Amino acid sequence: MSEKTSQPVHLVIMGVSASGKTTVAERLAAITGFPYAEADDFHPAANKEKMASGHPLNDEDRWPWLRSLADWMKDHAEAGDSSIVTCSALKHSYRDVLREADGVHDGRVLFTELDAPASVLLERLNSRKGHFMPASLLDSQLDTLEPLTDDENGLTLDATAEPDVLVQEVLDAAGLSDSSSPHTGVSS
């Protein structure tokens, strides 16, 4: 399924920490063969240190990080390649930066917001080992989160569902599964 197409699609799996972004994205990458980027890998060391010390990032911390991720997406689009990205993408304005890959080589960006109750997210965060994002920052992420709006190409999914169900819903929405017909995206 990883062949180049005239219309690359960029699947941005978004949500707060511990919503299941990496699990869903890795499965999507395995199925599609699309290049995959974990946004955490694009954070400069200063951002990771700031979060690890219990301080939330501000917009000034995030802009260069988001821009580098958008550049990665545009580079793949210019080569005619689709991609998969995990990114918190908490604000509409942050998603606007990522959306810059829209239209590059006729590509499109599809956002999938993974939503779960705070209690589930906290339980997941507390069971994590070796991640720089402490559970103490969950509330700041939830406070910052601006859910997808009707003017954004995307869908919101229940992050407590089985990962394979979530993956299938993303594939269907993107027009990438056998049971779906190709289209330019959804808004739901």
N, C-alpha and C. Protein backbone atom coordinates (compact mmCIF):
# COMPACT_ATOMS: atom_id res chain seq x y z
N MET A 1 0.82 -1.19 0.00
CA MET A 1 0.00 0.00 0.00
C MET A 1 0.86 1.26 0.00
N SER A 2 2.17 1.14 0.08
CA SER A 2 3.02 2.31 0.24
C SER A 2 3.44 2.96 -1.07
N GLU A 3 2.81 2.59 -2.19
CA GLU A 3 3.20 3.20 -3.45
C GLU A 3 2.87 4.69 -3.44
N LYS A 4 3.64 5.44 -4.27
CA LYS A 4 3.40 6.87 -4.35
C LYS A 4 2.08 7.10 -5.08
N THR A 5 1.39 8.13 -4.64
CA THR A 5 0.14 8.50 -5.29
C THR A 5 0.23 9.95 -5.72
N SER A 6 -0.68 10.38 -6.58
CA SER A 6 -0.67 11.78 -6.98
C SER A 6 -1.21 12.67 -5.87
N GLN A 7 -1.86 12.08 -4.89
CA GLN A 7 -2.39 12.84 -3.77
C GLN A 7 -1.94 12.24 -2.45
N PRO A 8 -0.79 12.68 -1.96
CA PRO A 8 -0.35 12.17 -0.66
C PRO A 8 -1.34 12.55 0.43
N VAL A 9 -1.47 11.68 1.40
CA VAL A 9 -2.30 11.96 2.56
C VAL A 9 -1.39 11.92 3.78
N HIS A 10 -1.58 12.89 4.66
CA HIS A 10 -0.77 12.98 5.86
C HIS A 10 -1.70 12.75 7.05
N LEU A 11 -1.50 11.64 7.72
CA LEU A 11 -2.34 11.25 8.84
C LEU A 11 -1.70 11.76 10.12
N VAL A 12 -2.33 12.74 10.76
CA VAL A 12 -1.82 13.30 12.00
C VAL A 12 -2.67 12.73 13.13
N ILE A 13 -2.05 11.89 13.95
CA ILE A 13 -2.73 11.29 15.09
C ILE A 13 -2.43 12.19 16.28
N MET A 14 -3.47 12.82 16.82
CA MET A 14 -3.28 13.88 17.80
C MET A 14 -4.04 13.62 19.09
N GLY A 15 -3.65 14.35 20.11
CA GLY A 15 -4.30 14.27 21.40
C GLY A 15 -3.29 14.50 22.50
N VAL A 16 -3.79 14.53 23.72
CA VAL A 16 -2.92 14.74 24.86
C VAL A 16 -2.05 13.51 25.09
N SER A 17 -1.10 13.66 25.98
CA SER A 17 -0.21 12.56 26.32
C SER A 17 -1.01 11.36 26.82
N ALA A 18 -0.60 10.17 26.41
CA ALA A 18 -1.19 8.89 26.83
C ALA A 18 -2.54 8.60 26.19
N SER A 19 -2.87 9.33 25.13
CA SER A 19 -4.14 9.06 24.46
C SER A 19 -4.05 7.87 23.51
N GLY A 20 -2.84 7.40 23.24
CA GLY A 20 -2.67 6.23 22.38
C GLY A 20 -2.15 6.57 20.99
N LYS A 21 -1.61 7.77 20.82
CA LYS A 21 -1.14 8.21 19.51
C LYS A 21 -0.11 7.27 18.90
N THR A 22 0.90 6.93 19.68
CA THR A 22 1.98 6.10 19.16
C THR A 22 1.48 4.70 18.78
N THR A 23 0.66 4.12 19.61
CA THR A 23 0.12 2.78 19.32
C THR A 23 -0.62 2.78 18.00
N VAL A 24 -1.51 3.75 17.81
CA VAL A 24 -2.30 3.83 16.58
C VAL A 24 -1.39 4.12 15.38
N ALA A 25 -0.49 5.08 15.52
CA ALA A 25 0.38 5.47 14.40
C ALA A 25 1.30 4.33 13.97
N GLU A 26 1.86 3.61 14.92
CA GLU A 26 2.75 2.50 14.56
C GLU A 26 1.99 1.43 13.80
N ARG A 27 0.77 1.15 14.20
CA ARG A 27 -0.04 0.16 13.48
C ARG A 27 -0.40 0.66 12.09
N LEU A 28 -0.74 1.94 11.98
CA LEU A 28 -1.03 2.51 10.66
C LEU A 28 0.20 2.43 9.75
N ALA A 29 1.36 2.74 10.29
CA ALA A 29 2.59 2.68 9.50
C ALA A 29 2.88 1.26 9.04
N ALA A 30 2.63 0.29 9.90
CA ALA A 30 2.87 -1.11 9.53
C ALA A 30 1.93 -1.54 8.40
N ILE A 31 0.71 -1.06 8.43
CA ILE A 31 -0.27 -1.43 7.40
C ILE A 31 -0.02 -0.70 6.09
N THR A 32 0.23 0.60 6.17
CA THR A 32 0.34 1.42 4.96
C THR A 32 1.74 1.47 4.37
N GLY A 33 2.75 1.29 5.21
CA GLY A 33 4.13 1.47 4.76
C GLY A 33 4.52 2.93 4.64
N PHE A 34 3.67 3.85 5.08
CA PHE A 34 3.98 5.28 5.01
C PHE A 34 5.09 5.61 6.00
N PRO A 35 5.96 6.57 5.65
CA PRO A 35 6.94 7.06 6.62
C PRO A 35 6.22 7.60 7.86
N TYR A 36 6.83 7.39 9.02
CA TYR A 36 6.19 7.73 10.28
C TYR A 36 7.14 8.58 11.12
N ALA A 37 6.59 9.65 11.68
CA ALA A 37 7.38 10.53 12.55
C ALA A 37 6.67 10.69 13.89
N GLU A 38 7.43 10.51 14.94
CA GLU A 38 6.96 10.73 16.30
C GLU A 38 7.37 12.16 16.66
N ALA A 39 6.39 13.04 16.88
CA ALA A 39 6.69 14.45 17.12
C ALA A 39 7.63 14.65 18.30
N ASP A 40 7.55 13.77 19.29
CA ASP A 40 8.45 13.89 20.44
C ASP A 40 9.91 13.90 20.01
N ASP A 41 10.23 13.20 18.91
CA ASP A 41 11.60 13.15 18.42
C ASP A 41 12.06 14.48 17.83
N PHE A 42 11.13 15.39 17.54
CA PHE A 42 11.46 16.68 16.96
C PHE A 42 11.65 17.76 18.02
N HIS A 43 11.31 17.45 19.27
CA HIS A 43 11.51 18.42 20.35
C HIS A 43 13.00 18.64 20.59
N PRO A 44 13.43 19.89 20.73
CA PRO A 44 14.81 20.12 21.14
C PRO A 44 14.99 19.67 22.59
N ALA A 45 16.22 19.44 22.98
CA ALA A 45 16.52 18.97 24.34
C ALA A 45 15.94 19.91 25.39
N ALA A 46 15.96 21.22 25.13
CA ALA A 46 15.45 22.18 26.11
C ALA A 46 13.97 21.96 26.39
N ASN A 47 13.19 21.64 25.35
CA ASN A 47 11.76 21.37 25.55
C ASN A 47 11.56 20.12 26.41
N LYS A 48 12.32 19.08 26.12
CA LYS A 48 12.18 17.83 26.88
C LYS A 48 12.58 18.04 28.33
N GLU A 49 13.65 18.80 28.54
CA GLU A 49 14.09 19.08 29.91
C GLU A 49 13.05 19.91 30.66
N LYS A 50 12.45 20.86 29.97
CA LYS A 50 11.43 21.70 30.60
C LYS A 50 10.24 20.86 31.05
N MET A 51 9.77 19.98 30.18
CA MET A 51 8.64 19.12 30.53
C MET A 51 9.01 18.14 31.63
N ALA A 52 10.19 17.55 31.51
CA ALA A 52 10.63 16.57 32.51
C ALA A 52 10.72 17.20 33.91
N SER A 53 10.99 18.51 33.96
CA SER A 53 11.07 19.18 35.26
C SER A 53 9.70 19.66 35.74
N GLY A 54 8.64 19.29 35.00
CA GLY A 54 7.28 19.60 35.44
C GLY A 54 6.73 20.92 34.96
N HIS A 55 7.38 21.55 33.98
CA HIS A 55 6.92 22.83 33.46
C HIS A 55 6.31 22.64 32.08
N PRO A 56 5.09 23.12 31.87
CA PRO A 56 4.48 22.98 30.55
C PRO A 56 5.15 23.89 29.53
N LEU A 57 5.11 23.47 28.28
CA LEU A 57 5.64 24.29 27.20
C LEU A 57 4.68 25.45 26.93
N ASN A 58 5.23 26.55 26.43
CA ASN A 58 4.40 27.66 25.98
C ASN A 58 4.48 27.74 24.46
N ASP A 59 3.75 28.67 23.89
CA ASP A 59 3.73 28.78 22.43
C ASP A 59 5.12 29.00 21.84
N GLU A 60 5.93 29.83 22.50
CA GLU A 60 7.27 30.10 21.99
C GLU A 60 8.12 28.83 21.95
N ASP A 61 7.88 27.92 22.90
CA ASP A 61 8.60 26.64 22.89
C ASP A 61 8.13 25.77 21.73
N ARG A 62 6.86 25.89 21.41
CA ARG A 62 6.25 24.96 20.45
C ARG A 62 6.43 25.35 18.98
N TRP A 63 6.48 26.65 18.66
CA TRP A 63 6.51 27.04 17.25
C TRP A 63 7.66 26.41 16.46
N PRO A 64 8.90 26.48 16.92
CA PRO A 64 9.99 25.87 16.12
C PRO A 64 9.81 24.35 15.99
N TRP A 65 9.32 23.71 17.05
CA TRP A 65 9.07 22.27 17.03
C TRP A 65 8.01 21.92 15.98
N LEU A 66 6.91 22.66 15.99
CA LEU A 66 5.84 22.40 15.02
C LEU A 66 6.31 22.67 13.60
N ARG A 67 7.09 23.74 13.44
CA ARG A 67 7.59 24.08 12.10
C ARG A 67 8.49 22.97 11.56
N SER A 68 9.33 22.39 12.39
CA SER A 68 10.21 21.32 11.90
C SER A 68 9.40 20.08 11.52
N LEU A 69 8.35 19.82 12.25
CA LEU A 69 7.48 18.68 11.92
C LEU A 69 6.73 18.95 10.61
N ALA A 70 6.23 20.17 10.44
CA ALA A 70 5.55 20.53 9.19
C ALA A 70 6.51 20.44 8.01
N ASP A 71 7.75 20.85 8.20
CA ASP A 71 8.75 20.75 7.13
C ASP A 71 8.98 19.30 6.74
N TRP A 72 9.02 18.41 7.73
CA TRP A 72 9.19 16.97 7.45
C TRP A 72 8.02 16.47 6.60
N MET A 73 6.81 16.89 6.96
CA MET A 73 5.62 16.48 6.20
C MET A 73 5.67 17.03 4.77
N LYS A 74 6.05 18.31 4.64
CA LYS A 74 6.11 18.93 3.30
C LYS A 74 7.18 18.27 2.44
N ASP A 75 8.32 17.92 3.03
CA ASP A 75 9.37 17.23 2.27
C ASP A 75 8.84 15.92 1.70
N HIS A 76 8.09 15.18 2.51
CA HIS A 76 7.51 13.92 2.01
C HIS A 76 6.46 14.19 0.95
N ALA A 77 5.65 15.22 1.15
CA ALA A 77 4.62 15.56 0.17
C ALA A 77 5.24 15.94 -1.17
N GLU A 78 6.30 16.75 -1.11
CA GLU A 78 6.97 17.18 -2.35
C GLU A 78 7.56 16.00 -3.11
N ALA A 79 7.90 14.94 -2.39
CA ALA A 79 8.39 13.72 -3.04
C ALA A 79 7.24 12.81 -3.48
N GLY A 80 6.00 13.25 -3.21
CA GLY A 80 4.84 12.46 -3.59
C GLY A 80 4.49 11.38 -2.59
N ASP A 81 5.07 11.47 -1.39
CA ASP A 81 4.86 10.44 -0.36
C ASP A 81 3.84 10.88 0.68
N SER A 82 3.03 9.95 1.10
CA SER A 82 2.15 10.14 2.24
C SER A 82 2.97 10.00 3.51
N SER A 83 2.37 10.36 4.66
CA SER A 83 3.10 10.21 5.91
C SER A 83 2.13 10.05 7.07
N ILE A 84 2.70 9.63 8.18
CA ILE A 84 1.96 9.49 9.43
C ILE A 84 2.76 10.23 10.50
N VAL A 85 2.05 11.04 11.29
CA VAL A 85 2.70 11.84 12.32
C VAL A 85 1.90 11.72 13.61
N THR A 86 2.59 11.56 14.73
CA THR A 86 1.94 11.72 16.02
C THR A 86 2.34 13.09 16.54
N CYS A 87 1.35 13.81 17.05
CA CYS A 87 1.62 15.14 17.58
C CYS A 87 0.46 15.53 18.48
N SER A 88 0.75 16.13 19.60
CA SER A 88 -0.34 16.56 20.47
C SER A 88 -1.26 17.53 19.73
N ALA A 89 -0.71 18.44 18.96
CA ALA A 89 -1.50 19.38 18.14
C ALA A 89 -2.67 19.95 18.94
N LEU A 90 -2.37 20.46 20.12
CA LEU A 90 -3.40 20.83 21.08
C LEU A 90 -4.27 22.00 20.66
N LYS A 91 -3.72 22.93 19.89
CA LYS A 91 -4.48 24.13 19.52
C LYS A 91 -4.74 24.16 18.01
N HIS A 92 -5.82 24.83 17.65
CA HIS A 92 -6.14 25.02 16.23
C HIS A 92 -4.96 25.68 15.52
N SER A 93 -4.35 26.68 16.15
CA SER A 93 -3.22 27.37 15.53
C SER A 93 -2.02 26.45 15.32
N TYR A 94 -1.83 25.47 16.20
CA TYR A 94 -0.74 24.50 16.01
C TYR A 94 -1.06 23.61 14.82
N ARG A 95 -2.32 23.23 14.69
CA ARG A 95 -2.72 22.39 13.56
C ARG A 95 -2.61 23.16 12.25
N ASP A 96 -2.82 24.49 12.33
CA ASP A 96 -2.63 25.31 11.13
C ASP A 96 -1.21 25.17 10.59
N VAL A 97 -0.22 25.13 11.47
CA VAL A 97 1.17 24.95 11.04
C VAL A 97 1.33 23.60 10.34
N LEU A 98 0.80 22.55 10.93
CA LEU A 98 0.92 21.22 10.32
C LEU A 98 0.14 21.14 9.01
N ARG A 99 -0.93 21.90 8.93
CA ARG A 99 -1.77 21.90 7.74
C ARG A 99 -1.06 22.53 6.55
N GLU A 100 0.11 23.13 6.77
CA GLU A 100 0.87 23.70 5.66
C GLU A 100 1.26 22.64 4.63
N ALA A 101 1.23 21.37 5.02
CA ALA A 101 1.49 20.29 4.06
C ALA A 101 0.28 20.04 3.16
N ASP A 102 -0.87 20.62 3.52
CA ASP A 102 -2.07 20.53 2.68
C ASP A 102 -1.78 21.17 1.33
N GLY A 103 -2.16 20.50 0.27
CA GLY A 103 -2.01 21.08 -1.06
C GLY A 103 -0.64 20.92 -1.67
N VAL A 104 0.37 20.53 -0.88
CA VAL A 104 1.70 20.30 -1.44
C VAL A 104 1.61 19.00 -2.24
N HIS A 105 1.88 19.10 -3.51
CA HIS A 105 1.75 17.96 -4.43
C HIS A 105 0.32 17.39 -4.34
N ASP A 106 -0.66 18.28 -4.22
CA ASP A 106 -2.08 17.92 -4.12
C ASP A 106 -2.39 17.06 -2.90
N GLY A 107 -1.55 17.12 -1.90
CA GLY A 107 -1.77 16.32 -0.70
C GLY A 107 -2.82 16.91 0.21
N ARG A 108 -3.15 16.16 1.24
CA ARG A 108 -4.13 16.61 2.23
C ARG A 108 -3.71 16.10 3.60
N VAL A 109 -4.09 16.83 4.61
CA VAL A 109 -3.79 16.48 5.98
C VAL A 109 -5.10 16.08 6.66
N LEU A 110 -5.10 14.91 7.27
CA LEU A 110 -6.26 14.42 8.01
C LEU A 110 -5.87 14.26 9.47
N PHE A 111 -6.57 14.97 10.35
CA PHE A 111 -6.32 14.90 11.79
C PHE A 111 -7.24 13.87 12.42
N THR A 112 -6.69 13.07 13.31
CA THR A 112 -7.48 12.14 14.12
C THR A 112 -7.18 12.46 15.56
N GLU A 113 -8.20 12.98 16.26
CA GLU A 113 -8.06 13.30 17.67
C GLU A 113 -8.48 12.10 18.50
N LEU A 114 -7.57 11.63 19.34
CA LEU A 114 -7.87 10.52 20.24
C LEU A 114 -8.28 11.10 21.58
N ASP A 115 -9.50 10.82 21.98
CA ASP A 115 -10.09 11.42 23.17
C ASP A 115 -10.39 10.35 24.20
N ALA A 116 -10.01 10.59 25.44
CA ALA A 116 -10.28 9.65 26.53
C ALA A 116 -10.51 10.44 27.81
N PRO A 117 -11.24 9.85 28.76
CA PRO A 117 -11.43 10.52 30.05
C PRO A 117 -10.10 10.75 30.76
N ALA A 118 -10.03 11.82 31.52
CA ALA A 118 -8.79 12.17 32.25
C ALA A 118 -8.34 11.03 33.14
N SER A 119 -9.27 10.31 33.75
CA SER A 119 -8.88 9.20 34.65
C SER A 119 -8.15 8.10 33.88
N VAL A 120 -8.58 7.82 32.66
CA VAL A 120 -7.91 6.80 31.84
C VAL A 120 -6.52 7.29 31.45
N LEU A 121 -6.44 8.55 31.04
CA LEU A 121 -5.15 9.12 30.64
C LEU A 121 -4.16 9.11 31.80
N LEU A 122 -4.63 9.48 32.98
CA LEU A 122 -3.77 9.51 34.16
C LEU A 122 -3.27 8.11 34.51
N GLU A 123 -4.15 7.13 34.41
CA GLU A 123 -3.74 5.74 34.68
C GLU A 123 -2.67 5.30 33.69
N ARG A 124 -2.85 5.64 32.42
CA ARG A 124 -1.85 5.29 31.40
C ARG A 124 -0.53 5.99 31.66
N LEU A 125 -0.59 7.28 31.99
CA LEU A 125 0.63 8.03 32.27
C LEU A 125 1.39 7.45 33.46
N ASN A 126 0.66 7.10 34.49
CA ASN A 126 1.31 6.56 35.70
C ASN A 126 1.92 5.19 35.47
N SER A 127 1.48 4.48 34.45
CA SER A 127 2.05 3.16 34.18
C SER A 127 3.20 3.23 33.16
N ARG A 128 3.44 4.40 32.59
CA ARG A 128 4.52 4.58 31.62
C ARG A 128 5.88 4.56 32.30
N LYS A 129 6.84 4.04 31.60
CA LYS A 129 8.22 4.03 32.10
C LYS A 129 9.12 4.73 31.08
N GLY A 130 9.99 5.60 31.56
CA GLY A 130 11.03 6.18 30.72
C GLY A 130 10.58 7.28 29.76
N HIS A 131 9.44 7.91 29.97
CA HIS A 131 9.00 8.99 29.10
C HIS A 131 9.20 10.31 29.84
N PHE A 132 9.61 11.35 29.10
CA PHE A 132 9.91 12.63 29.74
C PHE A 132 8.68 13.39 30.20
N MET A 133 7.50 13.02 29.72
CA MET A 133 6.27 13.75 30.06
C MET A 133 5.71 13.23 31.38
N PRO A 134 5.78 14.03 32.45
CA PRO A 134 5.25 13.57 33.73
C PRO A 134 3.73 13.70 33.80
N ALA A 135 3.12 12.84 34.59
CA ALA A 135 1.67 12.87 34.77
C ALA A 135 1.18 14.22 35.31
N SER A 136 2.05 14.93 35.99
CA SER A 136 1.67 16.22 36.57
C SER A 136 1.32 17.27 35.51
N LEU A 137 1.71 17.05 34.25
CA LEU A 137 1.42 18.01 33.20
C LEU A 137 0.13 17.69 32.43
N LEU A 138 -0.53 16.60 32.78
CA LEU A 138 -1.75 16.22 32.06
C LEU A 138 -2.80 17.33 32.12
N ASP A 139 -3.03 17.88 33.30
CA ASP A 139 -4.05 18.92 33.43
C ASP A 139 -3.76 20.12 32.53
N SER A 140 -2.48 20.49 32.42
CA SER A 140 -2.16 21.64 31.56
C SER A 140 -2.45 21.31 30.10
N GLN A 141 -2.20 20.07 29.70
CA GLN A 141 -2.52 19.69 28.32
C GLN A 141 -4.02 19.69 28.08
N LEU A 142 -4.77 19.14 29.03
CA LEU A 142 -6.23 19.12 28.89
C LEU A 142 -6.79 20.55 28.86
N ASP A 143 -6.22 21.45 29.66
CA ASP A 143 -6.66 22.84 29.67
C ASP A 143 -6.35 23.54 28.35
N THR A 144 -5.25 23.16 27.72
CA THR A 144 -4.82 23.78 26.47
C THR A 144 -5.55 23.20 25.26
N LEU A 145 -5.98 21.97 25.34
CA LEU A 145 -6.58 21.27 24.19
C LEU A 145 -7.79 22.01 23.64
N GLU A 146 -7.73 22.28 22.35
CA GLU A 146 -8.87 22.80 21.60
C GLU A 146 -9.31 21.67 20.68
N PRO A 147 -10.47 21.07 20.96
CA PRO A 147 -10.93 19.96 20.11
C PRO A 147 -11.04 20.39 18.65
N LEU A 148 -10.99 19.42 17.76
CA LEU A 148 -11.16 19.69 16.34
C LEU A 148 -12.47 20.45 16.11
N THR A 149 -12.45 21.33 15.14
CA THR A 149 -13.64 22.11 14.80
C THR A 149 -14.15 21.69 13.43
N ASP A 150 -15.34 22.14 13.10
CA ASP A 150 -15.97 21.76 11.84
C ASP A 150 -15.19 22.19 10.61
N ASP A 151 -14.35 23.22 10.74
CA ASP A 151 -13.58 23.69 9.59
C ASP A 151 -12.27 22.92 9.40
N GLU A 152 -12.03 21.92 10.23
CA GLU A 152 -10.80 21.13 10.13
C GLU A 152 -11.11 19.76 9.56
N ASN A 153 -10.23 19.29 8.69
CA ASN A 153 -10.39 17.98 8.10
C ASN A 153 -9.96 16.94 9.14
N GLY A 154 -10.93 16.31 9.78
CA GLY A 154 -10.55 15.36 10.80
C GLY A 154 -11.72 14.67 11.45
N LEU A 155 -11.39 13.82 12.39
CA LEU A 155 -12.37 13.07 13.15
C LEU A 155 -11.87 12.88 14.56
N THR A 156 -12.81 12.71 15.48
CA THR A 156 -12.48 12.47 16.88
C THR A 156 -12.92 11.06 17.22
N LEU A 157 -12.01 10.29 17.80
CA LEU A 157 -12.29 8.90 18.14
C LEU A 157 -12.13 8.66 19.63
N ASP A 158 -12.86 7.69 20.13
CA ASP A 158 -12.80 7.28 21.53
C ASP A 158 -11.53 6.47 21.75
N ALA A 159 -10.57 7.06 22.44
CA ALA A 159 -9.26 6.43 22.64
C ALA A 159 -9.31 5.22 23.56
N THR A 160 -10.47 4.92 24.14
CA THR A 160 -10.58 3.71 24.96
C THR A 160 -10.96 2.50 24.11
N ALA A 161 -11.27 2.73 22.83
CA ALA A 161 -11.58 1.61 21.93
C ALA A 161 -10.31 0.81 21.65
N GLU A 162 -10.49 -0.39 21.17
CA GLU A 162 -9.34 -1.24 20.82
C GLU A 162 -8.53 -0.56 19.71
N PRO A 163 -7.21 -0.61 19.79
CA PRO A 163 -6.38 0.04 18.78
C PRO A 163 -6.70 -0.38 17.34
N ASP A 164 -6.98 -1.66 17.12
CA ASP A 164 -7.29 -2.09 15.75
C ASP A 164 -8.57 -1.46 15.22
N VAL A 165 -9.52 -1.20 16.10
CA VAL A 165 -10.76 -0.51 15.70
C VAL A 165 -10.43 0.93 15.32
N LEU A 166 -9.60 1.59 16.11
CA LEU A 166 -9.20 2.96 15.82
C LEU A 166 -8.46 3.04 14.49
N VAL A 167 -7.55 2.12 14.28
CA VAL A 167 -6.78 2.09 13.03
C VAL A 167 -7.72 1.94 11.83
N GLN A 168 -8.67 1.05 11.92
CA GLN A 168 -9.61 0.85 10.81
C GLN A 168 -10.43 2.11 10.55
N GLU A 169 -10.83 2.79 11.61
CA GLU A 169 -11.61 4.03 11.44
C GLU A 169 -10.77 5.10 10.74
N VAL A 170 -9.49 5.19 11.07
CA VAL A 170 -8.61 6.16 10.40
C VAL A 170 -8.45 5.79 8.93
N LEU A 171 -8.20 4.52 8.66
CA LEU A 171 -8.04 4.08 7.27
C LEU A 171 -9.30 4.36 6.46
N ASP A 172 -10.45 4.08 7.05
CA ASP A 172 -11.72 4.35 6.36
C ASP A 172 -11.89 5.84 6.08
N ALA A 173 -11.62 6.68 7.08
CA ALA A 173 -11.78 8.12 6.93
C ALA A 173 -10.84 8.69 5.88
N ALA A 174 -9.66 8.10 5.77
CA ALA A 174 -8.66 8.58 4.81
C ALA A 174 -8.87 7.99 3.42
N GLY A 175 -9.82 7.07 3.29
CA GLY A 175 -10.03 6.43 2.00
C GLY A 175 -8.95 5.44 1.65
N LEU A 176 -8.34 4.83 2.68
CA LEU A 176 -7.21 3.93 2.46
C LEU A 176 -7.52 2.46 2.73
N SER A 177 -8.76 2.16 3.09
CA SER A 177 -9.07 0.76 3.34
C SER A 177 -9.85 0.18 2.19
N ASP A 178 -9.86 -1.14 2.10
CA ASP A 178 -10.58 -1.81 1.03
C ASP A 178 -12.07 -1.53 1.08
N SER A 179 -12.61 -1.28 2.28
CA SER A 179 -14.05 -1.07 2.43
C SER A 179 -14.47 0.37 2.22
N SER A 180 -13.50 1.27 1.93
CA SER A 180 -13.86 2.67 1.75
C SER A 180 -13.55 3.11 0.32
N SER A 181 -14.21 4.13 -0.10
CA SER A 181 -13.91 4.68 -1.42
C SER A 181 -13.04 5.90 -1.22
N PRO A 182 -12.11 6.14 -2.15
CA PRO A 182 -11.23 7.29 -2.00
C PRO A 182 -12.03 8.59 -1.98
N HIS A 183 -11.64 9.48 -1.11
CA HIS A 183 -12.25 10.80 -1.03
C HIS A 183 -11.24 11.76 -0.44
N THR A 184 -11.60 12.98 -0.29
CA THR A 184 -10.63 13.97 0.17
C THR A 184 -10.65 14.17 1.67
N GLY A 185 -11.29 13.32 2.41
CA GLY A 185 -11.26 13.44 3.86
C GLY A 185 -12.65 13.58 4.43
N VAL A 186 -12.71 13.67 5.72
CA VAL A 186 -13.98 13.77 6.40
C VAL A 186 -13.91 14.87 7.44
N SER A 187 -15.06 15.29 7.85
CA SER A 187 -15.19 16.14 9.01
C SER A 187 -16.31 15.56 9.83
N SER A 188 -16.03 15.17 11.03
CA SER A 188 -17.08 14.63 11.89
C SER A 188 -16.83 15.01 13.32
